[in-house]
C-alpha atoms as a PDB file:
ATOM      1  CA  MET A   1      13.399  67.850  15.820  1.00  0.00           C
ATOM      2  CA  ASN A   2      12.497  64.600  13.971  1.00  0.00           C
ATOM      3  CA  ALA A   3       8.964  65.190  12.713  1.00  0.00           C
ATOM      4  CA  LEU A   4       8.174  61.483  12.146  1.00  0.00           C
ATOM      5  CA  ILE A   5       9.240  60.409  15.636  1.00  0.00           C
ATOM      6  CA  THR A   6       7.280  63.263  17.136  1.00  0.00           C
ATOM      7  CA  ASN A   7       4.203  62.256  15.122  1.00  0.00           C
ATOM      8  CA  GLN A   8       4.399  58.694  16.446  1.00  0.00           C
ATOM      9  CA  GLN A   9       4.660  59.915  20.002  1.00  0.00           C
ATOM     10  CA  VAL A  10       1.666  62.179  19.513  1.00  0.00           C
ATOM     11  CA  LEU A  11      -0.414  59.415  17.960  1.00  0.00           C
ATOM     12  CA  GLN A  12       0.501  56.921  20.711  1.00  0.00           C
ATOM     13  CA  GLY A  13      -0.648  59.428  23.310  1.00  0.00           C
ATOM     14  CA  THR A  14      -4.164  59.457  21.820  1.00  0.00           C
ATOM     15  CA  ALA A  15      -4.725  55.699  22.218  1.00  0.00           C
ATOM     16  CA  GLY A  16      -7.085  56.060  25.165  1.00  0.00           C
ATOM     17  CA  ILE A  17      -8.984  58.993  23.729  1.00  0.00           C
ATOM     18  CA  PHE A  18     -10.123  58.024  20.237  1.00  0.00           C
ATOM     19  CA  SER A  19     -11.926  54.950  18.873  1.00  0.00           C
ATOM     20  CA  PRO A  20     -10.040  52.283  16.853  1.00  0.00           C
ATOM     21  CA  ASP A  21     -11.378  53.714  13.575  1.00  0.00           C
ATOM     22  CA  GLU A  22     -10.292  57.211  14.563  1.00  0.00           C
ATOM     23  CA  ARG A  23      -6.863  55.936  15.612  1.00  0.00           C
ATOM     24  CA  ALA A  24      -6.548  54.127  12.294  1.00  0.00           C
ATOM     25  CA  ALA A  25      -7.305  57.365  10.460  1.00  0.00           C
ATOM     26  CA  GLU A  26      -4.728  59.158  12.566  1.00  0.00           C
ATOM     27  CA  SER A  27      -2.129  56.519  11.700  1.00  0.00           C
ATOM     28  CA  SER A  28      -2.717  56.858   7.961  1.00  0.00           C
ATOM     29  CA  PRO A  29       0.058  58.233   5.720  1.00  0.00           C
ATOM     30  CA  THR A  30      -2.058  61.323   5.030  1.00  0.00           C
ATOM     31  CA  ALA A  31      -2.412  62.183   8.723  1.00  0.00           C
ATOM     32  CA  ARG A  32       1.273  61.558   9.326  1.00  0.00           C
ATOM     33  CA  GLY A  33       2.132  63.733   6.340  1.00  0.00           C
ATOM     34  CA  LEU A  34      -0.047  66.594   7.564  1.00  0.00           C
ATOM     35  CA  LEU A  35       1.424  66.441  11.060  1.00  0.00           C
ATOM     36  CA  GLY A  36       4.910  66.240   9.614  1.00  0.00           C
ATOM     37  CA  GLY A  37       4.204  69.296   7.477  1.00  0.00           C
ATOM     38  CA  LEU A  38       2.932  71.251  10.485  1.00  0.00           C
ATOM     39  CA  PHE A  39       6.005  70.403  12.528  1.00  0.00           C
ATOM     40  CA  ALA A  40       8.255  71.272   9.581  1.00  0.00           C
ATOM     41  CA  CYS A  41       6.585  74.687   9.187  1.00  0.00           C
ATOM     42  CA  TYR A  42       7.006  75.323  12.900  1.00  0.00           C
ATOM     43  CA  ALA A  43      10.685  74.369  12.763  1.00  0.00           C
ATOM     44  CA  ILE A  44      11.307  76.587   9.706  1.00  0.00           C
ATOM     45  CA  ASN A  45       9.574  79.534  11.361  1.00  0.00           C
ATOM     46  CA  LYS A  46      11.590  79.169  14.567  1.00  0.00           C
ATOM     47  CA  THR A  47      14.835  78.759  12.619  1.00  0.00           C
ATOM     48  CA  SER A  48      14.098  81.846  10.510  1.00  0.00           C
ATOM     49  CA  SER A  49      13.335  83.901  13.623  1.00  0.00           C
ATOM     50  CA  LEU A  50      16.541  82.746  15.280  1.00  0.00           C
ATOM     51  CA  LEU A  51      18.629  83.518  12.188  1.00  0.00           C
ATOM     52  CA  SER A  52      16.981  86.942  11.866  1.00  0.00           C
ATOM     53  CA  HIS A  53      17.823  87.723  15.471  1.00  0.00           C
ATOM     54  CA  TYR A  54      21.493  86.769  15.191  1.00  0.00           C
ATOM     55  CA  VAL A  55      22.205  88.168  11.721  1.00  0.00           C
ATOM     56  CA  LEU A  56      20.641  91.562  12.524  1.00  0.00           C
ATOM     57  CA  ASN A  57      22.602  91.638  15.786  1.00  0.00           C
ATOM     58  CA  ASN A  58      25.858  90.728  13.986  1.00  0.00           C
ATOM     59  CA  TRP A  59      25.938  87.307  15.680  1.00  0.00           C
ATOM     60  CA  HIS A  60      25.892  88.861  19.145  1.00  0.00           C
ATOM     61  CA  SER A  61      23.237  87.946  21.658  1.00  0.00           C
ATOM     62  CA  ALA A  62      21.156  91.030  22.414  1.00  0.00           C
ATOM     63  CA  GLU A  63      21.775  92.355  25.894  1.00  0.00           C
ATOM     64  CA  PRO A  64      18.634  92.823  28.012  1.00  0.00           C
ATOM     65  CA  TRP A  65      17.157  96.294  27.658  1.00  0.00           C
ATOM     66  CA  ASN A  66      17.933  98.457  30.686  1.00  0.00           C
ATOM     67  CA  SER A  67      16.046 101.753  30.648  1.00  0.00           C
ATOM     68  CA  GLN A  68      18.346 103.229  33.280  1.00  0.00           C
ATOM     69  CA  GLN A  69      21.364 102.845  31.006  1.00  0.00           C
ATOM     70  CA  GLU A  70      19.804 104.145  27.794  1.00  0.00           C
ATOM     71  CA  LEU A  71      19.478 107.670  26.430  1.00  0.00           C
ATOM     72  CA  VAL A  72      17.379 108.078  23.282  1.00  0.00           C
ATOM     73  CA  LEU A  73      17.978 111.176  21.157  1.00  0.00           C
ATOM     74  CA  ILE A  74      15.156 112.068  18.750  1.00  0.00           C
ATOM     75  CA  THR A  75      15.457 114.721  16.055  1.00  0.00           C
ATOM     76  CA  GLY A  76      12.223 116.448  15.079  1.00  0.00           C
ATOM     77  CA  GLY A  77      10.550 115.285  18.268  1.00  0.00           C
ATOM     78  CA  SER A  78       8.402 118.339  18.930  1.00  0.00           C
ATOM     79  CA  SER A  79       5.401 117.021  16.967  1.00  0.00           C
ATOM     80  CA  GLY A  80       4.094 114.184  14.818  1.00  0.00           C
ATOM     81  CA  ILE A  81       5.798 110.786  14.851  1.00  0.00           C
ATOM     82  CA  GLY A  82       8.807 112.001  16.819  1.00  0.00           C
ATOM     83  CA  GLN A  83       6.599 113.390  19.565  1.00  0.00           C
ATOM     84  CA  LYS A  84       4.649 110.125  19.821  1.00  0.00           C
ATOM     85  CA  ILE A  85       7.852 108.056  19.977  1.00  0.00           C
ATOM     86  CA  ALA A  86       9.150 110.304  22.762  1.00  0.00           C
ATOM     87  CA  GLU A  87       5.898 109.931  24.700  1.00  0.00           C
ATOM     88  CA  ASP A  88       5.803 106.142  24.304  1.00  0.00           C
ATOM     89  CA  LEU A  89       9.424 105.721  25.378  1.00  0.00           C
ATOM     90  CA  SER A  90       8.920 108.057  28.337  1.00  0.00           C
ATOM     91  CA  GLU A  91       5.948 105.979  29.483  1.00  0.00           C
ATOM     92  CA  ARG A  92       8.307 102.987  29.561  1.00  0.00           C
ATOM     93  CA  GLY A  93      10.776 104.823  31.756  1.00  0.00           C
ATOM     94  CA  VAL A  94      13.292 105.578  29.003  1.00  0.00           C
ATOM     95  CA  LYS A  95      15.129 108.895  29.170  1.00  0.00           C
ATOM     96  CA  VAL A  96      14.573 110.916  26.001  1.00  0.00           C
ATOM     97  CA  VAL A  97      16.340 113.985  24.633  1.00  0.00           C
ATOM     98  CA  ILE A  98      14.699 115.894  21.776  1.00  0.00           C
ATOM     99  CA  ILE A  99      16.396 118.088  19.171  1.00  0.00           C
ATOM    100  CA  ASP A 100      14.105 120.286  17.112  1.00  0.00           C
ATOM    101  CA  ILE A 101      14.105 123.724  15.573  1.00  0.00           C
ATOM    102  CA  GLN A 102      10.517 124.131  16.799  1.00  0.00           C
ATOM    103  CA  GLU A 103       9.252 124.429  20.353  1.00  0.00           C
ATOM    104  CA  LEU A 104       8.115 121.210  22.023  1.00  0.00           C
ATOM    105  CA  GLU A 105       4.312 120.904  21.855  1.00  0.00           C
ATOM    106  CA  SER A 106       3.810 117.920  24.141  1.00  0.00           C
ATOM    107  CA  THR A 107       3.493 118.251  27.903  1.00  0.00           C
ATOM    108  CA  LEU A 108       3.584 114.463  28.316  1.00  0.00           C
ATOM    109  CA  VAL A 109       7.334 114.112  27.810  1.00  0.00           C
ATOM    110  CA  PRO A 110       9.100 114.757  31.132  1.00  0.00           C
ATOM    111  CA  ASN A 111      12.469 114.932  29.451  1.00  0.00           C
ATOM    112  CA  VAL A 112      14.728 117.503  27.849  1.00  0.00           C
ATOM    113  CA  SER A 113      14.267 119.408  24.597  1.00  0.00           C
ATOM    114  CA  TYR A 114      17.005 121.369  22.814  1.00  0.00           C
ATOM    115  CA  GLU A 115      16.549 123.828  20.000  1.00  0.00           C
ATOM    116  CA  ALA A 116      18.909 123.134  17.109  1.00  0.00           C
ATOM    117  CA  ASP A 117      19.078 123.199  13.318  1.00  0.00           C
ATOM    118  CA  VAL A 118      19.867 119.669  12.140  1.00  0.00           C
ATOM    119  CA  THR A 119      21.152 121.036   8.812  1.00  0.00           C
ATOM    120  CA  SER A 120      23.837 123.148  10.515  1.00  0.00           C
ATOM    121  CA  THR A 121      27.134 121.551  11.519  1.00  0.00           C
ATOM    122  CA  ASP A 122      27.815 124.264  14.084  1.00  0.00           C
ATOM    123  CA  SER A 123      24.345 123.938  15.595  1.00  0.00           C
ATOM    124  CA  ILE A 124      24.618 120.143  15.853  1.00  0.00           C
ATOM    125  CA  LYS A 125      28.095 120.343  17.400  1.00  0.00           C
ATOM    126  CA  ALA A 126      26.977 122.902  19.963  1.00  0.00           C
ATOM    127  CA  VAL A 127      23.895 120.970  21.052  1.00  0.00           C
ATOM    128  CA  ALA A 128      25.867 117.697  21.101  1.00  0.00           C
ATOM    129  CA  GLU A 129      28.339 119.193  23.575  1.00  0.00           C
ATOM    130  CA  ARG A 130      25.478 120.363  25.802  1.00  0.00           C
ATOM    131  CA  ILE A 131      23.792 116.954  25.697  1.00  0.00           C
ATOM    132  CA  ARG A 132      26.995 115.065  26.499  1.00  0.00           C
ATOM    133  CA  ALA A 133      27.855 117.441  29.322  1.00  0.00           C
ATOM    134  CA  LYS A 134      24.462 117.017  30.996  1.00  0.00           C
ATOM    135  CA  HIS A 135      23.322 113.523  30.014  1.00  0.00           C
ATOM    136  CA  SER A 136      26.384 111.619  28.721  1.00  0.00           C
ATOM    137  CA  HIS A 137      26.417 109.999  25.257  1.00  0.00           C
ATOM    138  CA  PRO A 138      23.112 109.018  23.601  1.00  0.00           C
ATOM    139  CA  THR A 139      22.827 105.264  23.093  1.00  0.00           C
ATOM    140  CA  VAL A 140      19.993 105.420  20.548  1.00  0.00           C
ATOM    141  CA  LEU A 141      19.681 107.975  17.749  1.00  0.00           C
ATOM    142  CA  VAL A 142      16.299 108.401  16.042  1.00  0.00           C
ATOM    143  CA  ASN A 143      16.709 110.525  12.901  1.00  0.00           C
ATOM    144  CA  ASN A 144      13.106 111.589  12.565  1.00  0.00           C
ATOM    145  CA  ALA A 145      13.273 115.262  11.498  1.00  0.00           C
ATOM    146  CA  ALA A 146      11.683 115.839   8.091  1.00  0.00           C
ATOM    147  CA  VAL A 147      10.202 118.586   5.946  1.00  0.00           C
ATOM    148  CA  PHE A 148       8.040 118.442   2.844  1.00  0.00           C
ATOM    149  CA  ALA A 149       8.142 120.737  -0.182  1.00  0.00           C
ATOM    150  CA  ASN A 150       5.886 120.693  -3.240  1.00  0.00           C
ATOM    151  CA  VAL A 151       7.609 120.855  -6.613  1.00  0.00           C
ATOM    152  CA  ASP A 152       5.922 124.186  -7.349  1.00  0.00           C
ATOM    153  CA  GLU A 153       7.461 125.804  -4.271  1.00  0.00           C
ATOM    154  CA  PRO A 154      10.659 127.898  -4.449  1.00  0.00           C
ATOM    155  CA  GLU A 155      13.901 126.074  -5.181  1.00  0.00           C
ATOM    156  CA  SER A 156      15.164 126.993  -1.725  1.00  0.00           C
ATOM    157  CA  MET A 157      12.455 124.807  -0.163  1.00  0.00           C
ATOM    158  CA  ILE A 158      13.463 121.814  -2.278  1.00  0.00           C
ATOM    159  CA  TRP A 159      17.086 122.205  -1.194  1.00  0.00           C
ATOM    160  CA  LYS A 160      15.920 122.514   2.403  1.00  0.00           C
ATOM    161  CA  SER A 161      14.031 119.242   1.992  1.00  0.00           C
ATOM    162  CA  PHE A 162      17.211 117.447   0.942  1.00  0.00           C
ATOM    163  CA  ARG A 163      19.251 119.052   3.701  1.00  0.00           C
ATOM    164  CA  VAL A 164      16.794 118.039   6.429  1.00  0.00           C
ATOM    165  CA  ASN A 165      15.697 114.637   5.086  1.00  0.00           C
ATOM    166  CA  THR A 166      19.104 113.392   3.912  1.00  0.00           C
ATOM    167  CA  LEU A 167      22.164 115.480   4.737  1.00  0.00           C
ATOM    168  CA  ALA A 168      21.169 115.964   8.374  1.00  0.00           C
ATOM    169  CA  HIS A 169      21.598 112.212   8.873  1.00  0.00           C
ATOM    170  CA  PHE A 170      25.299 112.524   8.093  1.00  0.00           C
ATOM    171  CA  LEU A 171      25.726 115.368  10.574  1.00  0.00           C
ATOM    172  CA  THR A 172      23.955 113.631  13.445  1.00  0.00           C
ATOM    173  CA  VAL A 173      25.663 110.287  12.812  1.00  0.00           C
ATOM    174  CA  LYS A 174      29.047 112.005  12.690  1.00  0.00           C
ATOM    175  CA  GLU A 175      28.365 113.529  16.104  1.00  0.00           C
ATOM    176  CA  PHE A 176      26.659 110.688  17.924  1.00  0.00           C
ATOM    177  CA  LEU A 177      28.103 107.381  16.664  1.00  0.00           C
ATOM    178  CA  PRO A 178      28.676 104.826  18.052  1.00  0.00           C
ATOM    179  CA  ALA A 179      25.047 104.264  18.968  1.00  0.00           C
ATOM    180  CA  CYS A 180      22.111 102.297  17.690  1.00  0.00           C
ATOM    181  CA  PHE A 181      20.838 104.162  14.651  1.00  0.00           C
ATOM    182  CA  ILE A 182      17.235 104.347  13.530  1.00  0.00           C
ATOM    183  CA  THR A 183      15.824 106.429  10.724  1.00  0.00           C
ATOM    184  CA  VAL A 184      12.139 107.155  10.557  1.00  0.00           C
ATOM    185  CA  GLY A 185      10.705 108.422   7.372  1.00  0.00           C
ATOM    186  CA  GLU A 186       7.735 109.451   5.620  1.00  0.00           C
ATOM    187  CA  MET A 187       6.134 114.100  -4.328  1.00  0.00           C
ATOM    188  CA  VAL A 188       9.019 113.638  -6.149  1.00  0.00           C
ATOM    189  CA  ASP A 189      11.655 115.593  -4.261  1.00  0.00           C
ATOM    190  CA  TYR A 190      10.442 114.214  -0.930  1.00  0.00           C
ATOM    191  CA  ALA A 191      10.543 110.635  -2.213  1.00  0.00           C
ATOM    192  CA  CYS A 192      14.060 111.228  -3.553  1.00  0.00           C
ATOM    193  CA  THR A 193      15.270 112.440  -0.176  1.00  0.00           C
ATOM    194  CA  LYS A 194      13.796 109.382   1.516  1.00  0.00           C
ATOM    195  CA  ALA A 195      15.340 107.093  -1.104  1.00  0.00           C
ATOM    196  CA  SER A 196      18.638 108.777  -0.287  1.00  0.00           C
ATOM    197  CA  ALA A 197      18.025 108.164   3.410  1.00  0.00           C
ATOM    198  CA  LEU A 198      17.363 104.478   2.696  1.00  0.00           C
ATOM    199  CA  ALA A 199      20.546 104.169   0.636  1.00  0.00           C
ATOM    200  CA  PHE A 200      22.423 106.032   3.365  1.00  0.00           C
ATOM    201  CA  HIS A 201      21.144 103.602   5.993  1.00  0.00           C
ATOM    202  CA  ASP A 202      22.000 100.497   3.952  1.00  0.00           C
ATOM    203  CA  GLY A 203      25.499 101.759   3.190  1.00  0.00           C
ATOM    204  CA  LEU A 204      26.098 102.896   6.759  1.00  0.00           C
ATOM    205  CA  SER A 205      25.106  99.535   8.222  1.00  0.00           C
ATOM    206  CA  GLN A 206      27.580  97.712   5.969  1.00  0.00           C
ATOM    207  CA  GLU A 207      30.431 100.143   6.673  1.00  0.00           C
ATOM    208  CA  ILE A 208      29.874  99.941  10.427  1.00  0.00           C
ATOM    209  CA  ARG A 209      29.889  96.151  10.261  1.00  0.00           C
ATOM    210  CA  HIS A 210      32.794  95.541   7.867  1.00  0.00           C
ATOM    211  CA  TRP A 211      34.911  98.686   7.486  1.00  0.00           C
ATOM    212  CA  TYR A 212      34.945  99.604  11.170  1.00  0.00           C
ATOM    213  CA  GLY A 213      34.255  96.199  12.706  1.00  0.00           C
ATOM    214  CA  ALA A 214      31.770  97.738  15.175  1.00  0.00           C
ATOM    215  CA  THR A 215      29.541  94.672  15.231  1.00  0.00           C
ATOM    216  CA  LYS A 216      27.659  95.719  18.357  1.00  0.00           C
ATOM    217  CA  VAL A 217      26.403  98.901  16.680  1.00  0.00           C
ATOM    218  CA  ARG A 218      23.015  98.067  15.131  1.00  0.00           C
ATOM    219  CA  THR A 219      21.255 100.021  12.401  1.00  0.00           C
ATOM    220  CA  SER A 220      17.626  99.894  11.336  1.00  0.00           C
ATOM    221  CA  ILE A 221      15.138 101.892   9.302  1.00  0.00           C
ATOM    222  CA  VAL A 222      11.362 102.313   9.324  1.00  0.00           C
ATOM    223  CA  ASN A 223       9.549 103.420   6.160  1.00  0.00           C
ATOM    224  CA  PRO A 224       5.868 104.140   6.827  1.00  0.00           C
ATOM    225  CA  LEU A 225       3.431 105.300   4.171  1.00  0.00           C
ATOM    226  CA  TRP A 226       0.971 108.127   4.882  1.00  0.00           C
ATOM    227  CA  VAL A 227       0.973 109.111   8.559  1.00  0.00           C
ATOM    228  CA  ARG A 228      -1.374 111.664  10.096  1.00  0.00           C
ATOM    229  CA  THR A 229       1.087 114.406  11.101  1.00  0.00           C
ATOM    230  CA  PRO A 230       1.350 118.179  10.566  1.00  0.00           C
ATOM    231  CA  LEU A 231       3.660 117.379   7.642  1.00  0.00           C
ATOM    232  CA  ILE A 232       0.711 116.349   5.428  1.00  0.00           C
ATOM    233  CA  ARG A 233      -2.042 118.382   7.068  1.00  0.00           C
ATOM    234  CA  ASN A 234      -2.833 120.158   3.799  1.00  0.00           C
ATOM    235  CA  LEU A 235      -3.559 116.743   2.256  1.00  0.00           C
ATOM    236  CA  THR A 236      -5.542 115.250   5.126  1.00  0.00           C
ATOM    237  CA  ASP A 237      -7.616 118.430   5.402  1.00  0.00           C
ATOM    238  CA  ALA A 238      -8.772 117.830   1.831  1.00  0.00           C
ATOM    239  CA  GLY A 239     -11.198 115.206   3.120  1.00  0.00           C
ATOM    240  CA  ASP A 240     -12.537 112.578   0.718  1.00  0.00           C
ATOM    241  CA  SER A 241     -10.559 113.999  -2.198  1.00  0.00           C
ATOM    242  CA  PHE A 242      -7.418 112.531  -0.581  1.00  0.00           C
ATOM    243  CA  ASP A 243      -8.488 108.917  -0.901  1.00  0.00           C
ATOM    244  CA  GLN A 244      -5.475 107.196   0.659  1.00  0.00           C
ATOM    245  CA  PRO A 245      -5.090 104.951   3.719  1.00  0.00           C
ATOM    246  CA  ILE A 246      -3.564 106.964   6.559  1.00  0.00           C
ATOM    247  CA  MET A 247      -1.897 105.572   9.669  1.00  0.00           C
ATOM    248  CA  ASP A 248      -1.929 107.259  13.038  1.00  0.00           C
ATOM    249  CA  THR A 249       1.345 108.139  14.715  1.00  0.00           C
ATOM    250  CA  GLU A 250       0.625 105.455  17.321  1.00  0.00           C
ATOM    251  CA  VAL A 251       1.077 102.716  14.701  1.00  0.00           C
ATOM    252  CA  VAL A 252       4.485 103.971  13.566  1.00  0.00           C
ATOM    253  CA  SER A 253       5.623 104.756  17.084  1.00  0.00           C
ATOM    254  CA  ASP A 254       4.648 101.280  18.263  1.00  0.00           C
ATOM    255  CA  ALA A 255       6.764  99.688  15.523  1.00  0.00           C
ATOM    256  CA  VAL A 256       9.773 101.889  16.300  1.00  0.00           C
ATOM    257  CA  VAL A 257       9.547 101.453  20.071  1.00  0.00           C
ATOM    258  CA  LYS A 258       9.186  97.668  19.784  1.00  0.00           C
ATOM    259  CA  HIS A 259      12.174  97.600  17.461  1.00  0.00           C
ATOM    260  CA  ILE A 260      14.282  99.664  19.860  1.00  0.00           C
ATOM    261  CA  LEU A 261      13.428  97.387  22.773  1.00  0.00           C
ATOM    262  CA  ALA A 262      13.686  94.095  20.851  1.00  0.00           C
ATOM    263  CA  ARG A 263      16.802  94.962  18.810  1.00  0.00           C
ATOM    264  CA  SER A 264      15.938  92.578  16.004  1.00  0.00           C
ATOM    265  CA  PHE A 265      14.031  92.372  12.713  1.00  0.00           C
ATOM    266  CA  PRO A 266      13.104  89.419  10.427  1.00  0.00           C
ATOM    267  CA  LEU A 267      15.281  90.242   7.418  1.00  0.00           C
ATOM    268  CA  TRP A 268      18.117  87.763   7.889  1.00  0.00           C
ATOM    269  CA  LEU A 269      18.368  86.537   4.296  1.00  0.00           C
ATOM    270  CA  GLN A 270      18.413  90.048   2.825  1.00  0.00           C
ATOM    271  CA  GLU A 271      21.025  91.149   5.371  1.00  0.00           C
ATOM    272  CA  TRP A 272      23.153  88.071   4.684  1.00  0.00           C
ATOM    273  CA  LEU A 273      23.152  88.742   0.921  1.00  0.00           C
ATOM    274  CA  ARG A 274      23.938  92.434   1.405  1.00  0.00           C
ATOM    275  CA  SER A 275      26.701  91.607   3.875  1.00  0.00           C
ATOM    276  CA  SER A 276      28.272  89.104   1.471  1.00  0.00           C
ATOM    277  CA  LEU A 277      28.300  91.707  -1.303  1.00  0.00           C
ATOM    278  CA  SER A 278      29.897  94.272   1.011  1.00  0.00           C
ATOM    279  CA  LEU A 279      32.705  91.859   1.868  1.00  0.00           C
ATOM    280  CA  LYS A 280      33.384  91.250  -1.831  1.00  0.00           C
ATOM    281  CA  VAL A 281      33.466  94.990  -2.554  1.00  0.00           C
ATOM    282  CA  MET A 282      35.847  95.537   0.347  1.00  0.00           C
ATOM    283  CA  ARG A 283      38.196  92.797  -0.906  1.00  0.00           C
ATOM    284  CA  VAL A 284      38.244  94.270  -4.422  1.00  0.00           C
ATOM    285  CA  ARG A 285      38.891  97.723  -2.973  1.00  0.00           C
ATOM    286  CA  ASN A 286      41.781  96.455  -0.845  1.00  0.00           C
ATOM    287  CA  GLU A 287      43.314  94.574  -3.781  1.00  0.00           C
ATOM    288  CA  PHE A 288      43.056  97.683  -5.968  1.00  0.00           C
ATOM    289  CA  TRP A 289      44.840  99.892  -3.456  1.00  0.00           C
ATOM    290  CA  SER A 290      47.470  97.194  -2.814  1.00  0.00           C
ATOM    291  CA  ARG A 291      48.348  97.041  -6.511  1.00  0.00           C
ATOM    292  CA  LYS A 292      48.331 100.823  -6.813  1.00  0.00           C
ATOM    293  CA  SER A 293      50.795 101.178  -3.948  1.00  0.00           C
ATOM    294  CA  LEU A 294      53.337  98.842  -5.629  1.00  0.00           C
END
């Protein structure tokens, strides 16, 4: 779009509306500059959105969302954020399968819940076989299961935190890829496990794209701050002494559901830089192994 030509057309169209003095003001270099700046900002915004869409979808156009063809698997979906995501997707006609070690609390999710330990390879394999046999392969995986342990709790609880918040991602991805992959997270040990989950997601997205060439498999991650769930009930019950902004599960669920349905996210420049670095690392790796094999 040529901003100057567009400005002239706009100004010519106002000839019968404004007085000669007003038209003269509109034709001034300042007015033209302001209009040109507005059109330029609009063009940059649209270009950025378009680039974000294509880069995050690996330069594939996103297929229209068809609820009848999708199966969303949510770990830790019996309460909190996972439960709300399941309810919101169900309201939109999406079939949801929940994996949780706890019993499902919600009666609003007319879908299927399976009891499983996401930290156990055998448990994940067994429930995966049952899900595939009854529902086919999940097309969306939401790794939502999480636990929280204070540093003054037994060491076993800290290890459990890492197993659930980090290692479980490897087990579920191993079982259910290829599929769209979404991690949903929520002091020290918990933050470390979530940092590990973030690093896991970033590395996984690059390997899927470049090592395996599965460019239609999208990955994404959501990192909320404090969310009102049973996970932090001991903090929220403290009242005014816990002076932190807290989101409701609806806010996080809305972001995740919109992301699932839209299949895009405005991070094109960051993704492009990360993708370029991954390609360089892969070339160096291939050259190293080529020389070593000689």
